[in-house]
N, C-alpha and C. Protein backbone atom coordinates (compact mmCIF):
# COMPACT_ATOMS: atom_id res chain seq x y z
N MET A 1 2.03 -64.40 -65.37
CA MET A 1 1.97 -63.12 -66.04
C MET A 1 1.74 -63.34 -67.52
N ARG A 2 0.61 -63.40 -67.92
CA ARG A 2 0.23 -63.53 -69.32
C ARG A 2 1.29 -64.25 -70.15
N ASP A 3 1.24 -64.16 -71.44
CA ASP A 3 2.18 -64.88 -72.30
C ASP A 3 3.41 -64.06 -72.67
N ASN A 4 3.42 -62.78 -72.39
CA ASN A 4 4.50 -61.89 -72.78
C ASN A 4 5.44 -61.65 -71.59
N PRO A 5 6.72 -62.03 -71.69
CA PRO A 5 7.63 -61.84 -70.56
C PRO A 5 7.82 -60.38 -70.17
N THR A 6 7.66 -59.44 -71.08
CA THR A 6 7.80 -58.03 -70.72
C THR A 6 6.63 -57.56 -69.86
N TYR A 7 5.58 -58.33 -69.81
CA TYR A 7 4.42 -57.98 -68.99
C TYR A 7 4.75 -58.08 -67.49
N LEU A 8 5.82 -58.78 -67.16
CA LEU A 8 6.23 -58.93 -65.77
C LEU A 8 6.41 -57.56 -65.11
N GLY A 9 7.04 -56.62 -65.82
CA GLY A 9 7.24 -55.28 -65.27
C GLY A 9 5.94 -54.57 -64.96
N VAL A 10 4.95 -54.76 -65.80
CA VAL A 10 3.63 -54.17 -65.57
C VAL A 10 3.01 -54.76 -64.32
N GLY A 11 3.12 -56.08 -64.18
CA GLY A 11 2.56 -56.74 -63.00
C GLY A 11 3.24 -56.31 -61.71
N VAL A 12 4.55 -56.18 -61.74
CA VAL A 12 5.29 -55.76 -60.55
C VAL A 12 4.89 -54.33 -60.18
N LEU A 13 4.86 -53.43 -61.15
CA LEU A 13 4.48 -52.05 -60.85
C LEU A 13 3.06 -51.97 -60.30
N ALA A 14 2.17 -52.76 -60.85
CA ALA A 14 0.78 -52.74 -60.37
C ALA A 14 0.70 -53.19 -58.91
N GLN A 15 1.62 -54.02 -58.48
CA GLN A 15 1.62 -54.48 -57.10
C GLN A 15 2.26 -53.48 -56.13
N VAL A 16 3.20 -52.67 -56.62
CA VAL A 16 3.92 -51.79 -55.71
C VAL A 16 3.45 -50.33 -55.72
N ILE A 17 2.73 -49.92 -56.76
CA ILE A 17 2.22 -48.54 -56.79
C ILE A 17 1.01 -48.47 -55.86
N THR A 18 1.10 -47.62 -54.85
CA THR A 18 0.01 -47.52 -53.88
C THR A 18 -0.92 -46.35 -54.17
N GLN A 19 -0.43 -45.37 -54.91
CA GLN A 19 -1.25 -44.21 -55.23
C GLN A 19 -0.79 -43.64 -56.56
N LEU A 20 -1.75 -43.22 -57.37
CA LEU A 20 -1.44 -42.62 -58.66
C LEU A 20 -2.51 -41.57 -58.94
N GLY A 21 -2.15 -40.32 -58.65
CA GLY A 21 -3.12 -39.24 -58.83
C GLY A 21 -4.33 -39.44 -57.95
N THR A 22 -5.50 -39.32 -58.54
CA THR A 22 -6.75 -39.45 -57.78
C THR A 22 -7.36 -40.84 -57.88
N LEU A 23 -6.66 -41.77 -58.53
CA LEU A 23 -7.19 -43.13 -58.68
C LEU A 23 -7.24 -43.82 -57.32
N THR A 24 -8.30 -44.52 -57.07
CA THR A 24 -8.43 -45.26 -55.81
C THR A 24 -7.79 -46.64 -55.90
N THR A 25 -7.67 -47.16 -57.11
CA THR A 25 -7.06 -48.47 -57.32
C THR A 25 -6.10 -48.40 -58.49
N VAL A 26 -4.92 -49.00 -58.31
CA VAL A 26 -3.96 -49.10 -59.40
C VAL A 26 -3.74 -50.58 -59.66
N ASP A 27 -4.20 -51.03 -60.81
CA ASP A 27 -4.03 -52.44 -61.16
C ASP A 27 -3.31 -52.54 -62.50
N GLU A 28 -3.16 -53.76 -63.00
CA GLU A 28 -2.43 -53.98 -64.24
C GLU A 28 -3.05 -53.25 -65.42
N ASP A 29 -4.35 -53.14 -65.44
CA ASP A 29 -5.02 -52.43 -66.54
C ASP A 29 -4.64 -50.95 -66.55
N VAL A 30 -4.55 -50.35 -65.37
CA VAL A 30 -4.17 -48.94 -65.26
C VAL A 30 -2.73 -48.76 -65.73
N VAL A 31 -1.83 -49.62 -65.26
CA VAL A 31 -0.41 -49.51 -65.61
C VAL A 31 -0.22 -49.71 -67.12
N GLU A 32 -0.97 -50.64 -67.69
CA GLU A 32 -0.87 -50.89 -69.14
C GLU A 32 -1.23 -49.67 -69.96
N GLU A 33 -2.12 -48.82 -69.45
CA GLU A 33 -2.60 -47.68 -70.19
C GLU A 33 -1.73 -46.43 -70.04
N LEU A 34 -0.66 -46.51 -69.25
CA LEU A 34 0.23 -45.36 -69.09
C LEU A 34 0.95 -45.05 -70.39
N PHE A 35 1.31 -43.81 -70.58
CA PHE A 35 2.15 -43.44 -71.71
C PHE A 35 3.47 -44.17 -71.56
N SER A 36 4.11 -44.51 -72.66
CA SER A 36 5.35 -45.28 -72.59
C SER A 36 6.43 -44.55 -71.80
N GLU A 37 6.49 -43.22 -71.90
CA GLU A 37 7.49 -42.47 -71.15
C GLU A 37 7.23 -42.56 -69.65
N ASP A 38 5.96 -42.51 -69.26
CA ASP A 38 5.61 -42.62 -67.84
C ASP A 38 5.92 -44.01 -67.31
N LEU A 39 5.62 -45.02 -68.09
CA LEU A 39 5.91 -46.40 -67.69
C LEU A 39 7.42 -46.59 -67.55
N ALA A 40 8.19 -46.07 -68.48
CA ALA A 40 9.65 -46.18 -68.43
C ALA A 40 10.20 -45.47 -67.18
N TYR A 41 9.64 -44.31 -66.86
CA TYR A 41 10.08 -43.58 -65.67
C TYR A 41 9.80 -44.41 -64.41
N LEU A 42 8.60 -44.95 -64.30
CA LEU A 42 8.24 -45.73 -63.11
C LEU A 42 9.10 -46.99 -63.00
N GLN A 43 9.38 -47.64 -64.13
CA GLN A 43 10.24 -48.82 -64.10
C GLN A 43 11.65 -48.44 -63.65
N SER A 44 12.16 -47.32 -64.15
CA SER A 44 13.48 -46.85 -63.77
C SER A 44 13.52 -46.51 -62.28
N MET A 45 12.50 -45.85 -61.79
CA MET A 45 12.42 -45.50 -60.37
C MET A 45 12.38 -46.77 -59.51
N TYR A 46 11.61 -47.74 -59.94
CA TYR A 46 11.53 -49.00 -59.20
C TYR A 46 12.90 -49.65 -59.09
N ILE A 47 13.63 -49.66 -60.19
CA ILE A 47 14.97 -50.26 -60.20
C ILE A 47 15.91 -49.49 -59.29
N ARG A 48 15.87 -48.15 -59.36
CA ARG A 48 16.75 -47.35 -58.51
C ARG A 48 16.44 -47.53 -57.04
N VAL A 49 15.15 -47.58 -56.68
CA VAL A 49 14.76 -47.73 -55.28
C VAL A 49 15.17 -49.11 -54.75
N ASN A 50 15.07 -50.11 -55.57
CA ASN A 50 15.33 -51.47 -55.13
C ASN A 50 16.74 -51.98 -55.43
N ASP A 51 17.59 -51.13 -55.98
CA ASP A 51 18.96 -51.52 -56.27
C ASP A 51 19.78 -51.37 -55.00
N ARG A 52 20.18 -52.47 -54.43
CA ARG A 52 20.91 -52.45 -53.15
C ARG A 52 22.31 -51.87 -53.29
N THR A 53 22.81 -51.75 -54.51
CA THR A 53 24.15 -51.20 -54.68
C THR A 53 24.15 -49.69 -54.82
N ALA A 54 22.98 -49.08 -55.03
CA ALA A 54 22.89 -47.63 -55.20
C ALA A 54 23.06 -46.94 -53.85
N ALA A 55 23.78 -45.85 -53.83
CA ALA A 55 24.02 -45.12 -52.59
C ALA A 55 22.79 -44.30 -52.18
N ARG A 56 22.10 -43.74 -53.18
CA ARG A 56 20.91 -42.93 -52.90
C ARG A 56 20.06 -42.83 -54.16
N VAL A 57 18.84 -42.37 -53.99
CA VAL A 57 17.93 -42.17 -55.12
C VAL A 57 17.82 -40.69 -55.39
N ASP A 58 18.17 -40.27 -56.59
CA ASP A 58 18.03 -38.86 -56.96
C ASP A 58 16.61 -38.60 -57.44
N PRO A 59 16.05 -37.44 -57.12
CA PRO A 59 14.68 -37.14 -57.56
C PRO A 59 14.57 -36.97 -59.06
């Protein structure tokens, strides 16, 4: 994952996002171009979904 350790989150999201609006492909370039608030939301959602200690995911 490039030289920046924070880029790991971008790479992970690019691998797990299967659909984003009308885009046919979601890759690292697409994720990098998201607004910071949108990226933070997706990272938070990823953590909540994959946190084995969480009882449920709130919308």
